[in-house]
Amino acid sequence: MTTTTGFAFTWTDPDGTPRASAVSYDEKSADRRQTELEDAGARDIEMVPVGYGELPQPKA
């Protein structure tokens, strides 16, 4: 069973490049990171709960 230890993101850059977090964040830091992505013009931002050692893949 996987226990959620943090959050990561997938998003699309303003130029259309799909991206994914290379690190996970605690809840407070994730909220801050989401605001940074929004301010940078990212689209399709999705906060993904992740377990230890897990990170999301960029959307194709």
PDB file of N, CA and C in Angstrom:
ATOM      1  N   MET A   1       0.840  -1.178   0.000  1.00  0.00           N
ATOM      2  CA  MET A   1       0.000   0.000   0.000  1.00  0.00           C
ATOM      3  C   MET A   1       0.886   1.242   0.000  1.00  0.00           C
ATOM      4  N   THR A   2       0.574   2.208  -0.866  1.00  0.00           N
ATOM      5  CA  THR A   2       1.334   3.445  -0.971  1.00  0.00           C
ATOM      6  C   THR A   2       0.695   4.513  -0.095  1.00  0.00           C
ATOM      7  N   THR A   3       1.498   5.174   0.691  1.00  0.00           N
ATOM      8  CA  THR A   3       1.018   6.272   1.519  1.00  0.00           C
ATOM      9  C   THR A   3       1.454   7.581   0.879  1.00  0.00           C
ATOM     10  N   THR A   4       0.527   8.512   0.734  1.00  0.00           N
ATOM     11  CA  THR A   4       0.863   9.805   0.160  1.00  0.00           C
ATOM     12  C   THR A   4       1.818  10.536   1.089  1.00  0.00           C
ATOM     13  N   THR A   5       2.926  10.990   0.522  1.00  0.00           N
ATOM     14  CA  THR A   5       3.891  11.742   1.305  1.00  0.00           C
ATOM     15  C   THR A   5       4.015  13.174   0.830  1.00  0.00           C
ATOM     16  N   GLY A   6       3.441  13.486  -0.303  1.00  0.00           N
ATOM     17  CA  GLY A   6       3.551  14.841  -0.827  1.00  0.00           C
ATOM     18  C   GLY A   6       2.743  15.004  -2.096  1.00  0.00           C
ATOM     19  N   PHE A   7       3.060  16.085  -2.796  1.00  0.00           N
ATOM     20  CA  PHE A   7       2.353  16.425  -4.018  1.00  0.00           C
ATOM     21  C   PHE A   7       3.371  16.809  -5.084  1.00  0.00           C
ATOM     22  N   ALA A   8       3.029  16.507  -6.318  1.00  0.00           N
ATOM     23  CA  ALA A   8       3.826  16.909  -7.466  1.00  0.00           C
ATOM     24  C   ALA A   8       2.864  17.488  -8.500  1.00  0.00           C
ATOM     25  N   PHE A   9       3.396  17.984  -9.606  1.00  0.00           N
ATOM     26  CA  PHE A   9       2.555  18.633 -10.612  1.00  0.00           C
ATOM     27  C   PHE A   9       2.843  18.127 -12.008  1.00  0.00           C
ATOM     28  N   THR A  10       1.820  18.164 -12.829  1.00  0.00           N
ATOM     29  CA  THR A  10       1.978  18.110 -14.275  1.00  0.00           C
ATOM     30  C   THR A  10       1.368  19.406 -14.798  1.00  0.00           C
ATOM     31  N   TRP A  11       1.925  19.911 -15.887  1.00  0.00           N
ATOM     32  CA  TRP A  11       1.417  21.142 -16.485  1.00  0.00           C
ATOM     33  C   TRP A  11       1.922  21.261 -17.905  1.00  0.00           C
ATOM     34  N   THR A  12       1.409  22.256 -18.610  1.00  0.00           N
ATOM     35  CA  THR A  12       1.862  22.569 -19.954  1.00  0.00           C
ATOM     36  C   THR A  12       2.417  23.981 -19.945  1.00  0.00           C
ATOM     37  N   ASP A  13       3.659  24.132 -20.417  1.00  0.00           N
ATOM     38  CA  ASP A  13       4.277  25.450 -20.506  1.00  0.00           C
ATOM     39  C   ASP A  13       3.515  26.317 -21.508  1.00  0.00           C
ATOM     40  N   PRO A  14       3.682  27.636 -21.439  1.00  0.00           N
ATOM     41  CA  PRO A  14       3.007  28.511 -22.394  1.00  0.00           C
ATOM     42  C   PRO A  14       3.323  28.179 -23.855  1.00  0.00           C
ATOM     43  N   ASP A  15       4.510  27.587 -24.108  1.00  0.00           N
ATOM     44  CA  ASP A  15       4.870  27.228 -25.487  1.00  0.00           C
ATOM     45  C   ASP A  15       4.322  25.870 -25.917  1.00  0.00           C
ATOM     46  N   GLY A  16       3.572  25.202 -25.012  1.00  0.00           N
ATOM     47  CA  GLY A  16       2.938  23.927 -25.350  1.00  0.00           C
ATOM     48  C   GLY A  16       3.715  22.692 -24.925  1.00  0.00           C
ATOM     49  N   THR A  17       4.845  22.855 -24.249  1.00  0.00           N
ATOM     50  CA  THR A  17       5.654  21.725 -23.815  1.00  0.00           C
ATOM     51  C   THR A  17       5.075  21.113 -22.539  1.00  0.00           C
ATOM     52  N   PRO A  18       4.746  19.803 -22.548  1.00  0.00           N
ATOM     53  CA  PRO A  18       4.275  19.158 -21.320  1.00  0.00           C
ATOM     54  C   PRO A  18       5.416  18.995 -20.324  1.00  0.00           C
ATOM     55  N   ARG A  19       5.133  19.248 -19.062  1.00  0.00           N
ATOM     56  CA  ARG A  19       6.145  19.177 -18.008  1.00  0.00           C
ATOM     57  C   ARG A  19       5.604  18.393 -16.817  1.00  0.00           C
ATOM     58  N   ALA A  20       6.522  17.956 -15.954  1.00  0.00           N
ATOM     59  CA  ALA A  20       6.163  17.298 -14.694  1.00  0.00           C
ATOM     60  C   ALA A  20       7.209  17.659 -13.654  1.00  0.00           C
ATOM     61  N   SER A  21       6.782  17.697 -12.403  1.00  0.00           N
ATOM     62  CA  SER A  21       7.680  18.018 -11.297  1.00  0.00           C
ATOM     63  C   SER A  21       8.827  17.023 -11.208  1.00  0.00           C
ATOM     64  N   ALA A  22       9.998  17.533 -10.830  1.00  0.00           N
ATOM     65  CA  ALA A  22      11.155  16.687 -10.571  1.00  0.00           C
ATOM     66  C   ALA A  22      11.323  16.456  -9.075  1.00  0.00           C
ATOM     67  N   VAL A  23      10.477  17.103  -8.275  1.00  0.00           N
ATOM     68  CA  VAL A  23      10.498  16.974  -6.822  1.00  0.00           C
ATOM     69  C   VAL A  23       9.061  16.910  -6.326  1.00  0.00           C
ATOM     70  N   SER A  24       8.890  16.468  -5.083  1.00  0.00           N
ATOM     71  CA  SER A  24       7.567  16.521  -4.471  1.00  0.00           C
ATOM     72  C   SER A  24       7.562  17.621  -3.418  1.00  0.00           C
ATOM     73  N   TYR A  25       6.382  18.098  -3.096  1.00  0.00           N
ATOM     74  CA  TYR A  25       6.199  19.218  -2.182  1.00  0.00           C
ATOM     75  C   TYR A  25       5.266  18.830  -1.049  1.00  0.00           C
ATOM     76  N   ASP A  26       5.457  19.448   0.125  1.00  0.00           N
ATOM     77  CA  ASP A  26       4.442  19.328   1.166  1.00  0.00           C
ATOM     78  C   ASP A  26       3.267  20.221   0.745  1.00  0.00           C
ATOM     79  N   GLU A  27       2.175  20.151   1.473  1.00  0.00           N
ATOM     80  CA  GLU A  27       0.956  20.842   1.026  1.00  0.00           C
ATOM     81  C   GLU A  27       1.143  22.360   0.919  1.00  0.00           C
ATOM     82  N   LYS A  28       1.772  22.971   1.892  1.00  0.00           N
ATOM     83  CA  LYS A  28       1.969  24.424   1.874  1.00  0.00           C
ATOM     84  C   LYS A  28       2.866  24.840   0.706  1.00  0.00           C
ATOM     85  N   SER A  29       3.942  24.103   0.488  1.00  0.00           N
ATOM     86  CA  SER A  29       4.850  24.406  -0.620  1.00  0.00           C
ATOM     87  C   SER A  29       4.183  24.139  -1.959  1.00  0.00           C
ATOM     88  N   ALA A  30       3.331  23.128  -2.033  1.00  0.00           N
ATOM     89  CA  ALA A  30       2.615  22.819  -3.274  1.00  0.00           C
ATOM     90  C   ALA A  30       1.682  23.965  -3.642  1.00  0.00           C
ATOM     91  N   ASP A  31       1.006  24.531  -2.676  1.00  0.00           N
ATOM     92  CA  ASP A  31       0.134  25.678  -2.950  1.00  0.00           C
ATOM     93  C   ASP A  31       0.937  26.839  -3.522  1.00  0.00           C
ATOM     94  N   ARG A  32       2.114  27.079  -2.962  1.00  0.00           N
ATOM     95  CA  ARG A  32       2.991  28.146  -3.449  1.00  0.00           C
ATOM     96  C   ARG A  32       3.461  27.851  -4.877  1.00  0.00           C
ATOM     97  N   ARG A  33       3.847  26.591  -5.119  1.00  0.00           N
ATOM     98  CA  ARG A  33       4.325  26.214  -6.460  1.00  0.00           C
ATOM     99  C   ARG A  33       3.214  26.348  -7.493  1.00  0.00           C
ATOM    100  N   GLN A  34       1.993  25.995  -7.128  1.00  0.00           N
ATOM    101  CA  GLN A  34       0.884  26.134  -8.073  1.00  0.00           C
ATOM    102  C   GLN A  34       0.691  27.600  -8.458  1.00  0.00           C
ATOM    103  N   THR A  35       0.795  28.492  -7.492  1.00  0.00           N
ATOM    104  CA  THR A  35       0.684  29.923  -7.782  1.00  0.00           C
ATOM    105  C   THR A  35       1.801  30.375  -8.715  1.00  0.00           C
ATOM    106  N   GLU A  36       3.021  29.879  -8.496  1.00  0.00           N
ATOM    107  CA  GLU A  36       4.152  30.224  -9.375  1.00  0.00           C
ATOM    108  C   GLU A  36       3.886  29.765 -10.808  1.00  0.00           C
ATOM    109  N   LEU A  37       3.371  28.544 -10.959  1.00  0.00           N
ATOM    110  CA  LEU A  37       3.076  28.026 -12.293  1.00  0.00           C
ATOM    111  C   LEU A  37       1.998  28.864 -12.975  1.00  0.00           C
ATOM    112  N   GLU A  38       0.945  29.208 -12.235  1.00  0.00           N
ATOM    113  CA  GLU A  38      -0.126  30.034 -12.786  1.00  0.00           C
ATOM    114  C   GLU A  38       0.408  31.393 -13.214  1.00  0.00           C
ATOM    115  N   ASP A  39       1.239  32.007 -12.378  1.00  0.00           N
ATOM    116  CA  ASP A  39       1.815  33.320 -12.686  1.00  0.00           C
ATOM    117  C   ASP A  39       2.730  33.272 -13.916  1.00  0.00           C
ATOM    118  N   ALA A  40       3.342  32.111 -14.167  1.00  0.00           N
ATOM    119  CA  ALA A  40       4.235  31.947 -15.312  1.00  0.00           C
ATOM    120  C   ALA A  40       3.472  31.640 -16.602  1.00  0.00           C
ATOM    121  N   GLY A  41       2.142  31.502 -16.511  1.00  0.00           N
ATOM    122  CA  GLY A  41       1.334  31.255 -17.701  1.00  0.00           C
ATOM    123  C   GLY A  41       1.151  29.791 -18.041  1.00  0.00           C
ATOM    124  N   ALA A  42       1.476  28.883 -17.114  1.00  0.00           N
ATOM    125  CA  ALA A  42       1.291  27.448 -17.364  1.00  0.00           C
ATOM    126  C   ALA A  42      -0.198  27.131 -17.494  1.00  0.00           C
ATOM    127  N   ARG A  43      -0.502  26.091 -18.265  1.00  0.00           N
ATOM    128  CA  ARG A  43      -1.883  25.647 -18.469  1.00  0.00           C
ATOM    129  C   ARG A  43      -2.012  24.208 -18.001  1.00  0.00           C
ATOM    130  N   ASP A  44      -3.248  23.768 -17.843  1.00  0.00           N
ATOM    131  CA  ASP A  44      -3.542  22.365 -17.494  1.00  0.00           C
ATOM    132  C   ASP A  44      -2.766  21.899 -16.269  1.00  0.00           C
ATOM    133  N   ILE A  45      -2.670  22.747 -15.262  1.00  0.00           N
ATOM    134  CA  ILE A  45      -1.930  22.424 -14.037  1.00  0.00           C
ATOM    135  C   ILE A  45      -2.729  21.402 -13.233  1.00  0.00           C
ATOM    136  N   GLU A  46      -2.073  20.310 -12.880  1.00  0.00           N
ATOM    137  CA  GLU A  46      -2.714  19.270 -12.072  1.00  0.00           C
ATOM    138  C   GLU A  46      -1.809  18.916 -10.891  1.00  0.00           C
ATOM    139  N   MET A  47      -2.344  19.044  -9.681  1.00  0.00           N
ATOM    140  CA  MET A  47      -1.617  18.640  -8.478  1.00  0.00           C
ATOM    141  C   MET A  47      -1.877  17.150  -8.275  1.00  0.00           C
ATOM    142  N   VAL A  48      -0.799  16.372  -8.179  1.00  0.00           N
ATOM    143  CA  VAL A  48      -0.891  14.916  -8.102  1.00  0.00           C
ATOM    144  C   VAL A  48      -0.352  14.437  -6.756  1.00  0.00           C
ATOM    145  N   PRO A  49      -1.157  13.722  -5.964  1.00  0.00           N
ATOM    146  CA  PRO A  49      -0.614  13.147  -4.735  1.00  0.00           C
ATOM    147  C   PRO A  49       0.382  12.040  -5.082  1.00  0.00           C
ATOM    148  N   VAL A  50       1.524  12.040  -4.426  1.00  0.00           N
ATOM    149  CA  VAL A  50       2.557  11.037  -4.707  1.00  0.00           C
ATOM    150  C   VAL A  50       3.050  10.410  -3.415  1.00  0.00           C
ATOM    151  N   GLY A  51       3.501   9.187  -3.533  1.00  0.00           N
ATOM    152  CA  GLY A  51       4.112   8.475  -2.414  1.00  0.00           C
ATOM    153  C   GLY A  51       5.623   8.602  -2.485  1.00  0.00           C
ATOM    154  N   TYR A  52       6.292   8.054  -1.497  1.00  0.00           N
ATOM    155  CA  TYR A  52       7.748   8.092  -1.429  1.00  0.00           C
ATOM    156  C   TYR A  52       8.352   7.503  -2.700  1.00  0.00           C
ATOM    157  N   GLY A  53       9.239   8.254  -3.325  1.00  0.00           N
ATOM    158  CA  GLY A  53       9.935   7.780  -4.523  1.00  0.00           C
ATOM    159  C   GLY A  53       9.140   7.869  -5.804  1.00  0.00           C
ATOM    160  N   GLU A  54       7.949   8.410  -5.770  1.00  0.00           N
ATOM    161  CA  GLU A  54       7.104   8.513  -6.964  1.00  0.00           C
ATOM    162  C   GLU A  54       7.100   9.945  -7.480  1.00  0.00           C
ATOM    163  N   LEU A  55       7.074  10.083  -8.797  1.00  0.00           N
ATOM    164  CA  LEU A  55       6.883  11.365  -9.457  1.00  0.00           C
ATOM    165  C   LEU A  55       6.049  11.126 -10.707  1.00  0.00           C
ATOM    166  N   PRO A  56       5.228  12.088 -11.099  1.00  0.00           N
ATOM    167  CA  PRO A  56       4.397  11.907 -12.296  1.00  0.00           C
ATOM    168  C   PRO A  56       5.212  12.050 -13.573  1.00  0.00           C
ATOM    169  N   GLN A  57       4.662  11.542 -14.652  1.00  0.00           N
ATOM    170  CA  GLN A  57       5.239  11.719 -15.986  1.00  0.00           C
ATOM    171  C   GLN A  57       4.506  12.860 -16.678  1.00  0.00           C
ATOM    172  N   PRO A  58       5.194  13.607 -17.555  1.00  0.00           N
ATOM    173  CA  PRO A  58       4.487  14.656 -18.308  1.00  0.00           C
ATOM    174  C   PRO A  58       3.367  14.040 -19.128  1.00  0.00           C
ATOM    175  N   LYS A  59       2.309  14.793 -19.335  1.00  0.00           N
ATOM    176  CA  LYS A  59       1.218  14.335 -20.182  1.00  0.00           C
ATOM    177  C   LYS A  59       1.675  14.363 -21.622  1.00  0.00           C
ATOM    178  N   ALA A  60       1.287  13.378 -22.370  1.00  0.00           N
ATOM    179  CA  ALA A  60       1.692  13.317 -23.785  1.00  0.00           C
ATOM    180  C   ALA A  60       0.864  14.235 -24.635  1.00  0.00           C
TER     181      ALA A  60
END
